[in-house]
Structures are given as structure tokens and as C-alpha cells.
Amino acid sequence: QLQLVEFGGGLVQPGGSLRLSCGAERYTLGAYTLAWFRQAPGKEREGVACISRNGGRSNYEDSVKGRFTIARDQTSVYLQMDNLKPEDTAIYYCAARFSASCSASISDYGHWGRGTQVTVSS
């Protein structure tokens, strides 16, 4: 069973940067489309960014375009977050989909990490 693990969350001031990473123990991720989701307190989980299996296509939620960058290699997926805002505060989850293309639907992802907390506050 593919088990994803996220790293890199923490507390950062507005305007700061964080880099999240996610990998899988004993598995490579080359066969999967990979995505980042987030869930803020009292809100539903939402898609943040997705990158296709071959890395050729990436999608972003409108509020993070120009600030977040998703990248991947055979073993990990990354989320570079710049110019962070208080509204970016959430638990961030990585997810894997055994498919070539991205999807914004949570139900299309069969593998999830446990999440890492990102807090943006002064």
C-alpha cells in the first residue's frame, strides 16, 4: 500500500516562503499524477496544485497562481510557496492518483498523506 509522507510545514510570517515535500516509503511515484490539497479550519478540503504523471502539465487553484510552484521527480513531489498570506494557513496534504492526468476531485485520488500544518502569521 502506497503511504505518502509530507515534510516542510511550519510557522512563517506573511510574505515569507516555505517548501513542502512528499514522498513514499519503499515506492517510487513515477506511475502517479500527484497533487497538493489543503484544508483550513471549518472549511472543506480544496485542491491547490497538481502535476501530471510525466510532469508536462500542472494546474493551480486561482488564489495561489504566481505564488506557488509544484514540481516532481521519480520519488517526490514538492510545493514551493512564496509570498505566503494568512489565508494560506491550513493543513496541506499530498495525494497520488494512478492516472496520467490531473483531477480536482478529491475522490479521484486513492492515496493520501497525513498532512503537514502551514501557519502564516505575524
N, C-alpha and C. Protein backbone atom coordinates (compact mmCIF):
# COMPACT_ATOMS: atom_id res chain seq x y z
N GLN A 1 0.84 -1.18 0.00
CA GLN A 1 0.00 0.00 0.00
C GLN A 1 0.88 1.24 0.00
N LEU A 2 0.62 2.13 -0.95
CA LEU A 2 1.39 3.36 -1.06
C LEU A 2 1.05 4.29 0.11
N GLN A 3 2.04 4.64 0.89
CA GLN A 3 1.84 5.55 2.01
C GLN A 3 2.68 6.79 1.78
N LEU A 4 2.00 7.93 1.69
CA LEU A 4 2.68 9.19 1.44
C LEU A 4 3.00 9.90 2.76
N VAL A 5 4.13 10.60 2.77
CA VAL A 5 4.55 11.33 3.96
C VAL A 5 4.98 12.74 3.54
N GLU A 6 4.40 13.75 4.20
CA GLU A 6 4.73 15.14 3.89
C GLU A 6 5.75 15.68 4.88
N PHE A 7 6.56 16.63 4.39
CA PHE A 7 7.54 17.31 5.22
C PHE A 7 7.54 18.80 4.87
N GLY A 8 7.95 19.62 5.82
CA GLY A 8 8.26 21.01 5.50
C GLY A 8 7.30 22.06 6.00
N GLY A 9 6.25 21.67 6.68
CA GLY A 9 5.33 22.68 7.20
C GLY A 9 5.96 23.46 8.34
N GLY A 10 5.24 24.49 8.77
CA GLY A 10 5.75 25.29 9.88
C GLY A 10 5.06 26.63 9.97
N LEU A 11 5.64 27.49 10.80
CA LEU A 11 5.13 28.85 11.01
C LEU A 11 5.99 29.83 10.23
N VAL A 12 5.35 30.71 9.49
CA VAL A 12 6.07 31.69 8.68
C VAL A 12 5.31 33.00 8.71
N GLN A 13 6.02 34.10 8.58
CA GLN A 13 5.38 35.41 8.55
C GLN A 13 4.79 35.69 7.18
N PRO A 14 3.79 36.54 7.12
CA PRO A 14 3.25 36.94 5.80
C PRO A 14 4.36 37.45 4.89
N GLY A 15 4.30 37.03 3.63
CA GLY A 15 5.33 37.39 2.67
C GLY A 15 6.48 36.42 2.63
N GLY A 16 6.52 35.49 3.55
CA GLY A 16 7.60 34.51 3.61
C GLY A 16 7.38 33.33 2.68
N SER A 17 8.30 32.37 2.76
CA SER A 17 8.27 31.21 1.87
C SER A 17 8.42 29.92 2.68
N LEU A 18 7.85 28.86 2.13
CA LEU A 18 8.04 27.51 2.65
C LEU A 18 8.11 26.57 1.45
N ARG A 19 8.81 25.44 1.65
CA ARG A 19 8.86 24.41 0.63
C ARG A 19 8.40 23.10 1.24
N LEU A 20 7.31 22.57 0.73
CA LEU A 20 6.81 21.28 1.18
C LEU A 20 7.34 20.18 0.27
N SER A 21 7.56 19.02 0.84
CA SER A 21 7.92 17.86 0.04
C SER A 21 7.11 16.66 0.51
N CYS A 22 6.99 15.69 -0.37
CA CYS A 22 6.19 14.50 -0.07
C CYS A 22 6.79 13.32 -0.81
N GLY A 23 6.98 12.24 -0.10
CA GLY A 23 7.50 11.03 -0.71
C GLY A 23 6.77 9.81 -0.19
N ALA A 24 7.17 8.66 -0.70
CA ALA A 24 6.54 7.40 -0.29
C ALA A 24 7.61 6.41 0.13
N GLU A 25 7.39 5.78 1.26
CA GLU A 25 8.32 4.77 1.73
C GLU A 25 8.25 3.53 0.83
N ARG A 26 9.40 3.09 0.34
CA ARG A 26 9.55 1.85 -0.41
C ARG A 26 8.89 1.88 -1.79
N TYR A 27 8.41 3.06 -2.24
CA TYR A 27 7.79 3.15 -3.55
C TYR A 27 8.35 4.34 -4.32
N THR A 28 8.39 4.23 -5.63
CA THR A 28 8.61 5.40 -6.45
C THR A 28 7.26 5.92 -6.92
N LEU A 29 7.23 7.15 -7.38
CA LEU A 29 5.96 7.81 -7.72
C LEU A 29 5.80 8.05 -9.21
N GLY A 30 6.64 7.43 -10.00
CA GLY A 30 6.62 7.70 -11.43
C GLY A 30 5.34 7.33 -12.14
N ALA A 31 4.54 6.44 -11.58
CA ALA A 31 3.31 6.00 -12.24
C ALA A 31 2.09 6.83 -11.86
N TYR A 32 2.29 7.84 -11.05
CA TYR A 32 1.17 8.59 -10.47
C TYR A 32 1.15 10.06 -10.87
N THR A 33 -0.04 10.59 -11.07
CA THR A 33 -0.26 12.02 -11.05
C THR A 33 -0.30 12.44 -9.59
N LEU A 34 0.31 13.57 -9.27
CA LEU A 34 0.48 13.99 -7.89
C LEU A 34 -0.13 15.37 -7.65
N ALA A 35 -0.65 15.58 -6.46
CA ALA A 35 -1.33 16.84 -6.18
C ALA A 35 -1.13 17.24 -4.72
N TRP A 36 -1.34 18.51 -4.47
CA TRP A 36 -1.42 19.06 -3.13
C TRP A 36 -2.83 19.60 -2.89
N PHE A 37 -3.40 19.25 -1.76
CA PHE A 37 -4.66 19.78 -1.30
C PHE A 37 -4.41 20.48 0.05
N ARG A 38 -5.37 21.28 0.48
CA ARG A 38 -5.27 21.90 1.80
C ARG A 38 -6.65 21.99 2.43
N GLN A 39 -6.65 22.04 3.75
CA GLN A 39 -7.90 22.18 4.48
C GLN A 39 -7.68 23.13 5.64
N ALA A 40 -8.39 24.25 5.59
CA ALA A 40 -8.35 25.24 6.66
C ALA A 40 -9.42 24.91 7.69
N PRO A 41 -9.27 25.39 8.92
CA PRO A 41 -10.28 25.11 9.95
C PRO A 41 -11.67 25.54 9.52
N GLY A 42 -12.63 24.65 9.65
CA GLY A 42 -14.01 24.96 9.32
C GLY A 42 -14.32 25.00 7.84
N LYS A 43 -13.35 24.62 7.00
CA LYS A 43 -13.57 24.65 5.56
C LYS A 43 -13.36 23.26 4.96
N GLU A 44 -13.86 23.10 3.75
CA GLU A 44 -13.68 21.84 3.05
C GLU A 44 -12.27 21.76 2.46
N ARG A 45 -11.83 20.53 2.25
CA ARG A 45 -10.54 20.34 1.60
C ARG A 45 -10.63 20.81 0.14
N GLU A 46 -9.59 21.50 -0.29
CA GLU A 46 -9.58 22.04 -1.65
C GLU A 46 -8.26 21.73 -2.34
N GLY A 47 -8.33 21.62 -3.66
CA GLY A 47 -7.12 21.40 -4.44
C GLY A 47 -6.29 22.67 -4.53
N VAL A 48 -4.99 22.53 -4.43
CA VAL A 48 -4.07 23.65 -4.52
C VAL A 48 -3.28 23.60 -5.83
N ALA A 49 -2.70 22.45 -6.11
CA ALA A 49 -1.89 22.30 -7.31
C ALA A 49 -1.80 20.83 -7.67
N CYS A 50 -1.58 20.59 -8.95
CA CYS A 50 -1.49 19.22 -9.45
C CYS A 50 -0.45 19.18 -10.56
N ILE A 51 0.26 18.05 -10.66
CA ILE A 51 1.22 17.88 -11.73
C ILE A 51 1.02 16.49 -12.34
N SER A 52 1.00 16.43 -13.65
CA SER A 52 0.70 15.19 -14.35
C SER A 52 1.82 14.17 -14.18
N ARG A 53 1.52 12.96 -14.58
CA ARG A 53 2.45 11.86 -14.39
C ARG A 53 3.81 12.11 -15.04
N ASN A 54 3.80 12.68 -16.23
CA ASN A 54 5.07 12.92 -16.92
C ASN A 54 5.65 14.30 -16.60
N GLY A 55 4.96 15.05 -15.75
CA GLY A 55 5.46 16.36 -15.35
C GLY A 55 5.23 17.45 -16.37
N GLY A 56 4.54 17.13 -17.46
CA GLY A 56 4.39 18.08 -18.54
C GLY A 56 3.27 19.09 -18.35
N ARG A 57 2.40 18.82 -17.41
CA ARG A 57 1.25 19.71 -17.20
C ARG A 57 1.04 19.91 -15.71
N SER A 58 0.78 21.16 -15.32
CA SER A 58 0.47 21.46 -13.93
C SER A 58 -0.70 22.44 -13.88
N ASN A 59 -1.52 22.30 -12.86
CA ASN A 59 -2.67 23.17 -12.65
C ASN A 59 -2.60 23.78 -11.27
N TYR A 60 -3.15 24.98 -11.13
CA TYR A 60 -3.13 25.67 -9.84
C TYR A 60 -4.51 26.25 -9.53
N GLU A 61 -4.84 26.26 -8.27
CA GLU A 61 -6.01 26.97 -7.79
C GLU A 61 -5.76 28.46 -7.98
N ASP A 62 -6.81 29.21 -8.31
CA ASP A 62 -6.62 30.61 -8.72
C ASP A 62 -5.89 31.45 -7.67
N SER A 63 -6.17 31.24 -6.40
CA SER A 63 -5.61 32.12 -5.38
C SER A 63 -4.10 31.91 -5.17
N VAL A 64 -3.55 30.81 -5.70
CA VAL A 64 -2.12 30.56 -5.50
C VAL A 64 -1.30 30.75 -6.77
N LYS A 65 -1.97 31.01 -7.88
CA LYS A 65 -1.24 31.19 -9.14
C LYS A 65 -0.24 32.34 -9.02
N GLY A 66 0.96 32.10 -9.50
CA GLY A 66 2.01 33.10 -9.41
C GLY A 66 2.76 33.11 -8.09
N ARG A 67 2.27 32.37 -7.10
CA ARG A 67 2.93 32.32 -5.79
C ARG A 67 3.44 30.92 -5.46
N PHE A 68 2.72 29.90 -5.89
CA PHE A 68 3.08 28.51 -5.60
C PHE A 68 3.58 27.83 -6.87
N THR A 69 4.52 26.90 -6.70
CA THR A 69 5.05 26.13 -7.82
C THR A 69 5.14 24.67 -7.40
N ILE A 70 4.53 23.81 -8.21
CA ILE A 70 4.61 22.38 -7.95
C ILE A 70 5.66 21.77 -8.87
N ALA A 71 6.39 20.81 -8.34
CA ALA A 71 7.42 20.12 -9.12
C ALA A 71 7.49 18.68 -8.64
N ARG A 72 8.13 17.85 -9.44
CA ARG A 72 8.21 16.44 -9.06
C ARG A 72 9.46 15.79 -9.64
N ASP A 73 9.81 14.66 -9.06
CA ASP A 73 10.76 13.76 -9.66
C ASP A 73 10.23 12.34 -9.46
N GLN A 74 11.05 11.34 -9.63
CA GLN A 74 10.55 9.97 -9.56
C GLN A 74 10.13 9.55 -8.17
N THR A 75 10.65 10.23 -7.15
CA THR A 75 10.39 9.79 -5.78
C THR A 75 9.59 10.76 -4.95
N SER A 76 9.44 12.00 -5.39
CA SER A 76 8.84 13.01 -4.53
C SER A 76 8.05 14.04 -5.34
N VAL A 77 7.18 14.75 -4.62
CA VAL A 77 6.51 15.92 -5.17
C VAL A 77 6.76 17.07 -4.21
N TYR A 78 6.90 18.26 -4.77
CA TYR A 78 7.29 19.44 -3.99
C TYR A 78 6.27 20.56 -4.23
N LEU A 79 6.16 21.43 -3.23
CA LEU A 79 5.34 22.63 -3.39
C LEU A 79 6.13 23.79 -2.82
N GLN A 80 6.63 24.64 -3.71
CA GLN A 80 7.31 25.86 -3.30
C GLN A 80 6.26 26.94 -3.13
N MET A 81 6.18 27.50 -1.92
CA MET A 81 5.16 28.50 -1.61
C MET A 81 5.86 29.81 -1.27
N ASP A 82 5.63 30.82 -2.09
CA ASP A 82 6.23 32.14 -1.89
C ASP A 82 5.14 33.17 -1.63
N ASN A 83 5.55 34.29 -1.07
CA ASN A 83 4.62 35.38 -0.78
C ASN A 83 3.38 34.85 -0.04
N LEU A 84 3.62 34.11 1.00
CA LEU A 84 2.53 33.49 1.73
C LEU A 84 1.65 34.52 2.42
N LYS A 85 0.37 34.19 2.50
CA LYS A 85 -0.63 35.06 3.10
C LYS A 85 -1.31 34.33 4.25
N PRO A 86 -1.89 35.08 5.18
CA PRO A 86 -2.59 34.42 6.31
C PRO A 86 -3.67 33.44 5.84
N GLU A 87 -4.31 33.73 4.73
CA GLU A 87 -5.36 32.84 4.22
C GLU A 87 -4.81 31.53 3.65
N ASP A 88 -3.49 31.41 3.55
CA ASP A 88 -2.89 30.13 3.15
C ASP A 88 -2.75 29.17 4.33
N THR A 89 -3.06 29.64 5.52
CA THR A 89 -2.97 28.78 6.70
C THR A 89 -3.92 27.60 6.57
N ALA A 90 -3.37 26.39 6.70
CA ALA A 90 -4.16 25.17 6.52
C ALA A 90 -3.27 23.97 6.78
N ILE A 91 -3.90 22.82 6.84
CA ILE A 91 -3.14 21.57 6.77
C ILE A 91 -3.02 21.21 5.29
N TYR A 92 -1.81 20.93 4.87
CA TYR A 92 -1.54 20.61 3.46
C TYR A 92 -1.31 19.11 3.32
N TYR A 93 -1.99 18.52 2.36
CA TYR A 93 -1.92 17.09 2.10
C TYR A 93 -1.39 16.83 0.69
N CYS A 94 -0.54 15.84 0.54
CA CYS A 94 -0.21 15.39 -0.80
C CYS A 94 -1.06 14.16 -1.12
N ALA A 95 -1.32 13.98 -2.41
CA ALA A 95 -2.18 12.91 -2.87
C ALA A 95 -1.66 12.36 -4.18
N ALA A 96 -1.93 11.08 -4.41
CA ALA A 96 -1.48 10.42 -5.63
C ALA A 96 -2.65 9.76 -6.34
N ARG A 97 -2.63 9.86 -7.65
CA ARG A 97 -3.68 9.30 -8.49
C ARG A 97 -3.02 8.42 -9.55
N PHE A 98 -3.48 7.18 -9.66
CA PHE A 98 -2.89 6.25 -10.62
C PHE A 98 -3.48 6.55 -12.00
N SER A 99 -3.01 7.65 -12.57
CA SER A 99 -3.52 8.12 -13.85
C SER A 99 -2.50 9.07 -14.45
N ALA A 100 -2.65 9.34 -15.74
CA ALA A 100 -1.70 10.23 -16.42
C ALA A 100 -2.02 11.70 -16.23
N SER A 101 -3.27 12.02 -15.85
CA SER A 101 -3.69 13.42 -15.87
C SER A 101 -4.25 13.88 -14.53
N CYS A 102 -4.27 15.20 -14.38
CA CYS A 102 -4.74 15.81 -13.14
C CYS A 102 -6.25 15.75 -13.01
N SER A 103 -6.70 15.83 -11.79
CA SER A 103 -8.10 15.97 -11.46
C SER A 103 -8.22 16.84 -10.23
N ALA A 104 -9.27 17.65 -10.18
CA ALA A 104 -9.52 18.48 -9.00
C ALA A 104 -10.39 17.77 -7.98
N SER A 105 -10.86 16.58 -8.31
CA SER A 105 -11.79 15.87 -7.44
C SER A 105 -11.04 15.04 -6.40
N ILE A 106 -11.37 15.26 -5.14
CA ILE A 106 -10.74 14.51 -4.06
C ILE A 106 -10.93 13.02 -4.24
N SER A 107 -12.09 12.61 -4.70
CA SER A 107 -12.41 11.19 -4.80
C SER A 107 -11.59 10.48 -5.88
N ASP A 108 -10.93 11.23 -6.73
CA ASP A 108 -10.10 10.61 -7.78
C ASP A 108 -8.71 10.23 -7.29
N TYR A 109 -8.40 10.57 -6.06
CA TYR A 109 -7.07 10.29 -5.51
C TYR A 109 -7.19 9.17 -4.47
N GLY A 110 -6.48 8.09 -4.72
CA GLY A 110 -6.61 6.93 -3.86
C GLY A 110 -5.58 6.85 -2.74
N HIS A 111 -4.58 7.74 -2.78
CA HIS A 111 -3.51 7.67 -1.79
C HIS A 111 -3.26 9.06 -1.23
N TRP A 112 -3.16 9.13 0.09
CA TRP A 112 -3.03 10.42 0.78
C TRP A 112 -1.98 10.33 1.88
N GLY A 113 -1.34 11.49 2.13
CA GLY A 113 -0.53 11.61 3.32
C GLY A 113 -1.37 12.07 4.50
N ARG A 114 -0.74 12.18 5.64
CA ARG A 114 -1.46 12.58 6.85
C ARG A 114 -1.52 14.10 7.01
N GLY A 115 -0.76 14.82 6.22
CA GLY A 115 -0.83 16.26 6.24
C GLY A 115 0.27 16.92 7.06
N THR A 116 0.57 18.16 6.70
CA THR A 116 1.53 18.97 7.44
C THR A 116 0.95 20.37 7.62
N GLN A 117 1.10 20.91 8.82
CA GLN A 117 0.48 22.20 9.15
C GLN A 117 1.33 23.35 8.60
N VAL A 118 0.66 24.27 7.93
CA VAL A 118 1.28 25.52 7.50
C VAL A 118 0.51 26.66 8.15
N THR A 119 1.23 27.49 8.90
CA THR A 119 0.61 28.63 9.57
C THR A 119 1.33 29.90 9.14
N VAL A 120 0.54 30.85 8.62
CA VAL A 120 1.10 32.12 8.17
C VAL A 120 0.56 33.21 9.11
N SER A 121 1.44 33.75 9.91
CA SER A 121 1.02 34.71 10.93
C SER A 121 2.19 35.56 11.35
N SER A 122 1.89 36.80 11.71
CA SER A 122 2.93 37.68 12.24
C SER A 122 2.94 37.65 13.77
